[in-house]
Amino acid sequence: MFAATLALFTAIGLPTTASAQSVRLTVDAHDRSFAINGNSYTVARIQDESNTLTGEFAKTSRACPPFCITPMSATRDVETIGELEVMDFLETMAAKNEGHLIDTRLPGWFEQGTIPGAVNVPFTTLEDSNPFRDDIVAALGGLKQGDTWDFSAARHLVLFCNGPWCLQAPMAVRALRKVGYPAEKIKYYRGGMQVWHSLGLSTVKP
């Protein structure tokens, strides 16, 4: 197996020294770097191969309800994406100020650590009952005209929460769709912080 791996690295032109044994994102990428609003970020994986999860994200079982396994799709018209697509989004849409990676968790969770480049828009703030909901939708690029919205200049969004056992991002996706936010401008990262941590990916404290 090891010899086959070395042969593969040689065939595609990657180094076969000890550095090639590092915990990479993909075969051809050690890390991903981007800048958002003048802040520089790098996403990489923890290099300690004996590292294990601790705390909340080490749990395998939570009471259901409320922590039930969520469907793969938040709604039938919003695409679900994975970690590499989140990084692609950060390097392109977010870096060009054309989109936002939205952490939909409550501030207490967000402050414990989030995905680099994410901004906190708690799912509760997108509910009909929030008197400032329209202000938040407007900050995302929506333009209210009477009782209707114009989303032609709206930002592209990727929404996530704590992972496959968390309802907050799906609720936020549905709230945005209810107000008319275009499905093609929303993506759902179902893996969330649970899977992000399980892959040893970089996090930041805001």
Protein backbone atom coordinates (compact mmCIF):
# COMPACT_ATOMS: atom_id res chain seq x y z
CA MET A 1 0.00 0.00 0.00
CA PHE A 2 2.78 2.42 0.96
CA ALA A 3 4.71 1.61 -2.22
CA ALA A 4 1.58 2.19 -4.29
CA THR A 5 1.09 5.58 -2.64
CA LEU A 6 4.68 6.59 -3.39
CA ALA A 7 4.22 5.48 -6.99
CA LEU A 8 1.08 7.58 -7.27
CA PHE A 9 2.85 10.66 -5.86
CA THR A 10 5.72 10.15 -8.29
CA ALA A 11 3.37 9.72 -11.25
CA ILE A 12 1.53 12.97 -10.59
CA GLY A 13 4.65 14.92 -9.68
CA LEU A 14 4.20 15.27 -5.92
CA PRO A 15 7.18 15.08 -3.55
CA THR A 16 7.89 11.64 -2.08
CA THR A 17 9.82 12.86 0.97
CA ALA A 18 8.42 12.86 4.50
CA SER A 19 6.51 16.06 3.71
CA ALA A 20 4.33 14.04 1.36
CA GLN A 21 3.14 12.05 4.38
CA SER A 22 1.53 15.15 5.93
CA VAL A 23 -2.21 15.39 6.50
CA ARG A 24 -3.32 17.19 3.37
CA LEU A 25 -6.69 18.56 2.27
CA THR A 26 -6.48 16.68 -1.01
CA VAL A 27 -3.74 14.88 -2.93
CA ASP A 28 -2.69 18.15 -4.58
CA ALA A 29 -3.45 20.74 -1.86
CA HIS A 30 -1.95 21.09 1.60
CA ASP A 31 -4.05 24.11 2.51
CA ARG A 32 -6.33 26.82 1.09
CA SER A 33 -5.79 30.55 1.71
CA PHE A 34 -8.06 33.52 1.07
CA ALA A 35 -8.75 37.06 2.27
CA ILE A 36 -12.13 38.51 3.24
CA ASN A 37 -12.59 42.18 4.11
CA GLY A 38 -8.85 42.62 4.61
CA ASN A 39 -8.50 39.59 6.91
CA SER A 40 -6.35 36.67 5.76
CA TYR A 41 -7.34 33.08 6.50
CA THR A 42 -5.85 29.66 5.88
CA VAL A 43 -7.72 26.36 6.09
CA ALA A 44 -5.56 23.30 6.74
CA ARG A 45 -5.84 20.08 8.72
CA ILE A 46 -4.36 19.27 12.12
CA GLN A 47 -1.06 17.51 11.41
CA ASP A 48 -1.06 15.33 14.55
CA GLU A 49 -2.34 11.98 13.28
CA SER A 50 -3.14 10.90 16.84
CA ASN A 51 -5.45 13.88 17.41
CA THR A 52 -8.99 13.03 18.56
CA LEU A 53 -12.17 15.02 19.11
CA THR A 54 -13.08 16.29 22.56
CA GLY A 55 -16.05 18.10 24.08
CA GLU A 56 -19.40 18.47 22.31
CA PHE A 57 -18.15 17.25 18.96
CA ALA A 58 -16.84 13.98 20.41
CA LYS A 59 -20.40 12.88 21.23
CA THR A 60 -22.05 10.23 19.09
CA SER A 61 -25.50 10.39 20.71
CA ARG A 62 -27.83 13.26 21.55
CA ALA A 63 -31.46 13.23 22.65
CA CYS A 64 -33.87 13.32 19.71
CA PRO A 65 -35.84 15.50 19.77
CA PRO A 66 -34.44 18.08 19.44
CA PHE A 67 -31.11 16.75 18.11
CA CYS A 68 -32.42 14.44 15.40
CA ILE A 69 -30.59 13.50 12.20
CA THR A 70 -31.46 16.03 9.51
CA PRO A 71 -32.24 15.23 5.87
CA MET A 72 -29.45 15.71 3.35
CA SER A 73 -31.35 18.64 1.80
CA ALA A 74 -32.64 21.65 3.71
CA THR A 75 -35.23 22.24 0.97
CA ARG A 76 -35.73 20.47 -2.35
CA ASP A 77 -34.46 23.45 -4.37
CA VAL A 78 -31.33 24.41 -2.36
CA GLU A 79 -28.07 22.56 -3.11
CA THR A 80 -26.24 20.74 -0.32
CA ILE A 81 -22.43 20.98 -0.46
CA GLY A 82 -19.34 19.57 1.26
CA GLU A 83 -16.13 20.90 2.75
CA LEU A 84 -14.16 21.44 -0.47
CA GLU A 85 -17.08 23.35 -1.97
CA VAL A 86 -17.18 25.54 1.16
CA MET A 87 -13.49 26.33 0.61
CA ASP A 88 -14.14 27.05 -3.07
CA PHE A 89 -16.90 29.46 -2.04
CA LEU A 90 -14.62 31.24 0.44
CA GLU A 91 -11.86 31.63 -2.16
CA THR A 92 -14.23 32.97 -4.80
CA MET A 93 -17.59 34.44 -3.77
CA ALA A 94 -16.64 35.47 -0.23
CA ALA A 95 -13.19 36.76 -1.19
CA LYS A 96 -14.75 38.91 -3.93
CA ASN A 97 -17.38 40.22 -1.48
CA GLU A 98 -20.11 38.59 -3.54
CA GLY A 99 -21.14 36.10 -0.88
CA HIS A 100 -21.14 35.19 2.80
CA LEU A 101 -20.49 31.98 4.69
CA ILE A 102 -23.21 32.16 7.35
CA ASP A 103 -22.85 30.50 10.75
CA THR A 104 -26.50 30.24 11.82
CA ARG A 105 -25.77 29.16 15.39
CA LEU A 106 -26.46 31.29 18.43
CA PRO A 107 -23.62 33.67 19.41
CA GLY A 108 -22.44 31.52 22.32
CA TRP A 109 -21.61 28.67 19.94
CA PHE A 110 -20.12 30.99 17.32
CA GLU A 111 -17.76 32.51 19.89
CA GLN A 112 -16.38 29.08 20.80
CA GLY A 113 -15.02 28.70 17.28
CA THR A 114 -16.22 28.77 13.70
CA ILE A 115 -15.08 28.18 10.13
CA PRO A 116 -12.55 30.80 8.96
CA GLY A 117 -14.30 33.62 7.11
CA ALA A 118 -17.77 32.90 8.53
CA VAL A 119 -20.12 35.59 9.83
CA ASN A 120 -22.76 34.98 12.50
CA VAL A 121 -26.41 35.40 11.54
CA PRO A 122 -28.29 33.37 14.18
CA PHE A 123 -31.21 31.38 12.75
CA THR A 124 -33.60 33.12 15.18
CA THR A 125 -32.91 36.50 13.55
CA LEU A 126 -34.42 35.27 10.28
CA GLU A 127 -37.77 34.31 11.82
CA ASP A 128 -40.93 36.28 10.98
CA SER A 129 -41.24 37.32 14.62
CA ASN A 130 -37.96 39.25 14.60
CA PRO A 131 -38.77 42.96 14.00
CA PHE A 132 -35.30 43.43 12.50
CA ARG A 133 -35.56 40.50 10.07
CA ASP A 134 -36.05 42.79 7.06
CA ASP A 135 -32.94 44.77 8.02
CA ILE A 136 -30.91 41.57 8.00
CA VAL A 137 -32.29 40.48 4.62
CA ALA A 138 -31.48 43.96 3.30
CA ALA A 139 -27.92 43.64 4.63
CA LEU A 140 -27.61 40.45 2.58
CA GLY A 141 -28.46 42.42 -0.56
CA GLY A 142 -32.24 42.22 -0.73
CA LEU A 143 -34.15 45.37 -1.67
CA LYS A 144 -37.66 45.68 -0.29
CA GLN A 145 -40.14 47.40 -2.58
CA GLY A 146 -43.47 47.71 -0.83
CA ASP A 147 -44.53 44.20 0.12
CA THR A 148 -42.13 42.46 -2.26
CA TRP A 149 -38.39 41.94 -2.45
CA ASP A 150 -35.92 42.43 -5.29
CA PHE A 151 -33.06 39.94 -4.89
CA SER A 152 -31.24 40.74 -8.11
CA ALA A 153 -28.29 42.17 -6.14
CA ALA A 154 -28.50 39.70 -3.23
CA ARG A 155 -25.31 37.97 -2.06
CA HIS A 156 -24.66 34.28 -2.55
CA LEU A 157 -24.87 32.44 0.78
CA VAL A 158 -23.65 29.19 2.30
CA LEU A 159 -25.38 28.35 5.59
CA PHE A 160 -24.25 25.87 8.25
CA CYS A 161 -24.69 25.05 11.93
CA ASN A 162 -23.40 22.25 14.20
CA GLY A 163 -23.85 19.44 11.70
CA PRO A 164 -26.18 16.61 10.71
CA TRP A 165 -27.91 16.70 14.11
CA CYS A 166 -28.57 20.46 14.03
CA LEU A 167 -31.80 22.04 12.73
CA GLN A 168 -30.66 25.66 12.84
CA ALA A 169 -29.21 25.98 9.32
CA PRO A 170 -32.16 24.17 7.69
CA MET A 171 -34.53 26.47 9.57
CA ALA A 172 -32.57 29.51 8.39
CA VAL A 173 -32.58 28.24 4.78
CA ARG A 174 -36.35 27.76 4.92
CA ALA A 175 -36.84 31.22 6.46
CA LEU A 176 -34.85 32.83 3.64
CA ARG A 177 -36.76 30.91 1.00
CA LYS A 178 -40.05 31.92 2.63
CA VAL A 179 -39.17 35.60 2.23
CA GLY A 180 -38.28 34.94 -1.41
CA TYR A 181 -34.47 34.68 -1.30
CA PRO A 182 -33.54 32.85 -4.53
CA ALA A 183 -32.69 29.17 -4.13
CA GLU A 184 -29.84 29.52 -6.63
CA LYS A 185 -28.16 32.02 -4.30
CA ILE A 186 -28.28 29.71 -1.26
CA LYS A 187 -26.26 26.58 -0.48
CA TYR A 188 -26.45 24.36 2.60
CA TYR A 189 -23.34 22.86 4.24
CA ARG A 190 -24.95 19.98 6.15
CA GLY A 191 -21.69 18.66 7.66
CA GLY A 192 -21.32 21.84 9.71
CA MET A 193 -18.98 22.06 12.67
CA GLN A 194 -19.29 18.36 13.55
CA VAL A 195 -17.80 17.16 10.27
CA TRP A 196 -15.46 20.16 9.97
CA HIS A 197 -13.93 19.20 13.35
CA SER A 198 -13.89 15.49 12.50
CA LEU A 199 -11.65 16.26 9.50
CA GLY A 200 -9.28 18.30 11.65
CA LEU A 201 -9.91 21.50 9.68
CA SER A 202 -8.91 24.95 10.88
CA THR A 203 -11.27 26.97 13.06
CA VAL A 204 -11.09 30.53 14.35
CA LYS A 205 -12.50 32.35 17.35
CA PRO A 206 -14.14 35.63 16.30
